[in-house]
Amino acid sequence: MLETGKTAAVVARDLGVHEGTLQTWVHRAKARAAAEAAGGLEESERDELRRLREENRQLRRENTEIGMERDVLKRSVVLWVKEATK
């Protein structure tokens, strides 16, 4: 195909795979090569980036909740101190 000049059907038959499977492999290889040439990310790197972004969103939510709990506790302490000093 790319290197031999053979058609996809001939190469697929030689490899013992379906022509559509071979075309998918070639398409993915070209996409990876183009992304790497452009300084882009590989598929595994994109998967990791998605996972890390989701983890970051979750941690931000938890941080917000903890901040709110801290504020409630601060207010409670202020009220408790006011009551105790009366």
C-alpha atoms as a PDB file:
ATOM      1  CA  MET A   1       0.000   0.000   0.000  1.00  0.00           C
ATOM      2  CA  LEU A   2       2.009   2.949   1.261  1.00  0.00           C
ATOM      3  CA  GLU A   3       5.434   1.418   0.740  1.00  0.00           C
ATOM      4  CA  THR A   4       4.793  -1.376  -1.758  1.00  0.00           C
ATOM      5  CA  GLY A   5       2.346   0.281  -4.114  1.00  0.00           C
ATOM      6  CA  LYS A   6      -0.003  -2.704  -3.744  1.00  0.00           C
ATOM      7  CA  THR A   7      -3.715  -2.153  -3.383  1.00  0.00           C
ATOM      8  CA  ALA A   8      -5.362  -2.413  -0.003  1.00  0.00           C
ATOM      9  CA  ALA A   9      -7.195  -5.556  -1.099  1.00  0.00           C
ATOM     10  CA  VAL A  10      -3.954  -7.330  -2.045  1.00  0.00           C
ATOM     11  CA  VAL A  11      -2.162  -6.331   1.170  1.00  0.00           C
ATOM     12  CA  ALA A  12      -5.175  -7.319   3.286  1.00  0.00           C
ATOM     13  CA  ARG A  13      -5.328 -10.708   1.572  1.00  0.00           C
ATOM     14  CA  ASP A  14      -1.567 -11.184   2.092  1.00  0.00           C
ATOM     15  CA  LEU A  15      -1.959 -10.367   5.798  1.00  0.00           C
ATOM     16  CA  GLY A  16      -5.099 -12.440   6.194  1.00  0.00           C
ATOM     17  CA  VAL A  17      -7.240  -9.562   7.420  1.00  0.00           C
ATOM     18  CA  HIS A  18     -10.364  -7.872   6.134  1.00  0.00           C
ATOM     19  CA  GLU A  19      -9.700  -4.930   3.827  1.00  0.00           C
ATOM     20  CA  GLY A  20     -11.779  -2.612   6.043  1.00  0.00           C
ATOM     21  CA  THR A  21      -9.640  -3.542   9.049  1.00  0.00           C
ATOM     22  CA  LEU A  22      -6.481  -2.738   7.114  1.00  0.00           C
ATOM     23  CA  GLN A  23      -7.930   0.598   5.983  1.00  0.00           C
ATOM     24  CA  THR A  24      -8.758   1.435   9.623  1.00  0.00           C
ATOM     25  CA  TRP A  25      -5.193   0.632  10.664  1.00  0.00           C
ATOM     26  CA  VAL A  26      -3.772   2.792   7.890  1.00  0.00           C
ATOM     27  CA  HIS A  27      -6.117   5.657   8.743  1.00  0.00           C
ATOM     28  CA  ARG A  28      -5.144   5.517  12.429  1.00  0.00           C
ATOM     29  CA  ALA A  29      -1.445   5.346  11.583  1.00  0.00           C
ATOM     30  CA  LYS A  30      -1.744   8.387   9.315  1.00  0.00           C
ATOM     31  CA  ALA A  31      -3.703  10.291  11.970  1.00  0.00           C
ATOM     32  CA  ARG A  32      -1.095   9.455  14.630  1.00  0.00           C
ATOM     33  CA  ALA A  33       1.737  10.504  12.339  1.00  0.00           C
ATOM     34  CA  ALA A  34      -0.002  13.768  11.501  1.00  0.00           C
ATOM     35  CA  ALA A  35      -0.678  14.512  15.176  1.00  0.00           C
ATOM     36  CA  GLU A  36       2.915  13.767  16.124  1.00  0.00           C
ATOM     37  CA  ALA A  37       4.237  15.928  13.275  1.00  0.00           C
ATOM     38  CA  ALA A  38       2.014  18.784  14.454  1.00  0.00           C
ATOM     39  CA  GLY A  39       3.154  18.335  18.052  1.00  0.00           C
ATOM     40  CA  GLY A  40      -0.200  16.840  19.020  1.00  0.00           C
ATOM     41  CA  LEU A  41      -1.003  14.061  21.448  1.00  0.00           C
ATOM     42  CA  GLU A  42      -1.211  10.352  20.838  1.00  0.00           C
ATOM     43  CA  GLU A  43      -4.449   8.523  21.612  1.00  0.00           C
ATOM     44  CA  SER A  44      -3.160   7.192  24.943  1.00  0.00           C
ATOM     45  CA  GLU A  45      -2.077  10.714  25.905  1.00  0.00           C
ATOM     46  CA  ARG A  46      -5.506  12.096  24.985  1.00  0.00           C
ATOM     47  CA  ASP A  47      -7.134   9.377  27.127  1.00  0.00           C
ATOM     48  CA  GLU A  48      -4.894  10.275  30.047  1.00  0.00           C
ATOM     49  CA  LEU A  49      -5.643  13.982  29.566  1.00  0.00           C
ATOM     50  CA  ARG A  50      -9.400  13.285  29.637  1.00  0.00           C
ATOM     51  CA  ARG A  51      -8.969  11.211  32.808  1.00  0.00           C
ATOM     52  CA  LEU A  52      -6.877  13.894  34.488  1.00  0.00           C
ATOM     53  CA  ARG A  53      -9.330  16.638  33.540  1.00  0.00           C
ATOM     54  CA  GLU A  54     -12.202  14.648  35.043  1.00  0.00           C
ATOM     55  CA  GLU A  55     -10.151  14.031  38.179  1.00  0.00           C
ATOM     56  CA  ASN A  56      -9.383  17.752  38.350  1.00  0.00           C
ATOM     57  CA  ARG A  57     -13.104  18.620  38.082  1.00  0.00           C
ATOM     58  CA  GLN A  58     -13.887  16.165  40.883  1.00  0.00           C
ATOM     59  CA  LEU A  59     -11.151  17.565  43.123  1.00  0.00           C
ATOM     60  CA  ARG A  60     -12.363  21.130  42.503  1.00  0.00           C
ATOM     61  CA  ARG A  61     -15.900  20.109  43.519  1.00  0.00           C
ATOM     62  CA  GLU A  62     -14.585  18.463  46.675  1.00  0.00           C
ATOM     63  CA  ASN A  63     -12.423  21.504  47.446  1.00  0.00           C
ATOM     64  CA  THR A  64     -15.457  23.782  47.112  1.00  0.00           C
ATOM     65  CA  GLU A  65     -17.459  21.591  49.488  1.00  0.00           C
ATOM     66  CA  ILE A  66     -14.622  21.512  52.027  1.00  0.00           C
ATOM     67  CA  GLY A  67     -14.329  25.308  51.817  1.00  0.00           C
ATOM     68  CA  MET A  68     -18.034  25.676  52.524  1.00  0.00           C
ATOM     69  CA  GLU A  69     -17.792  23.299  55.487  1.00  0.00           C
ATOM     70  CA  ARG A  70     -14.825  25.284  56.837  1.00  0.00           C
ATOM     71  CA  ASP A  71     -16.794  28.530  56.573  1.00  0.00           C
ATOM     72  CA  VAL A  72     -19.725  26.997  58.463  1.00  0.00           C
ATOM     73  CA  LEU A  73     -17.386  25.789  61.198  1.00  0.00           C
ATOM     74  CA  LYS A  74     -15.761  29.234  61.473  1.00  0.00           C
ATOM     75  CA  ARG A  75     -19.169  30.861  61.892  1.00  0.00           C
ATOM     76  CA  SER A  76     -20.146  28.246  64.467  1.00  0.00           C
ATOM     77  CA  VAL A  77     -17.012  28.952  66.494  1.00  0.00           C
ATOM     78  CA  VAL A  78     -17.696  32.699  66.400  1.00  0.00           C
ATOM     79  CA  LEU A  79     -21.238  32.138  67.637  1.00  0.00           C
ATOM     80  CA  TRP A  80     -20.033  29.720  70.323  1.00  0.00           C
ATOM     81  CA  VAL A  81     -17.411  32.212  71.553  1.00  0.00           C
ATOM     82  CA  LYS A  82     -20.024  34.983  71.671  1.00  0.00           C
ATOM     83  CA  GLU A  83     -22.354  32.775  73.718  1.00  0.00           C
ATOM     84  CA  ALA A  84     -19.561  31.661  76.042  1.00  0.00           C
ATOM     85  CA  THR A  85     -18.463  35.247  76.796  1.00  0.00           C
ATOM     86  CA  LYS A  86     -21.928  36.521  77.722  1.00  0.00           C
END
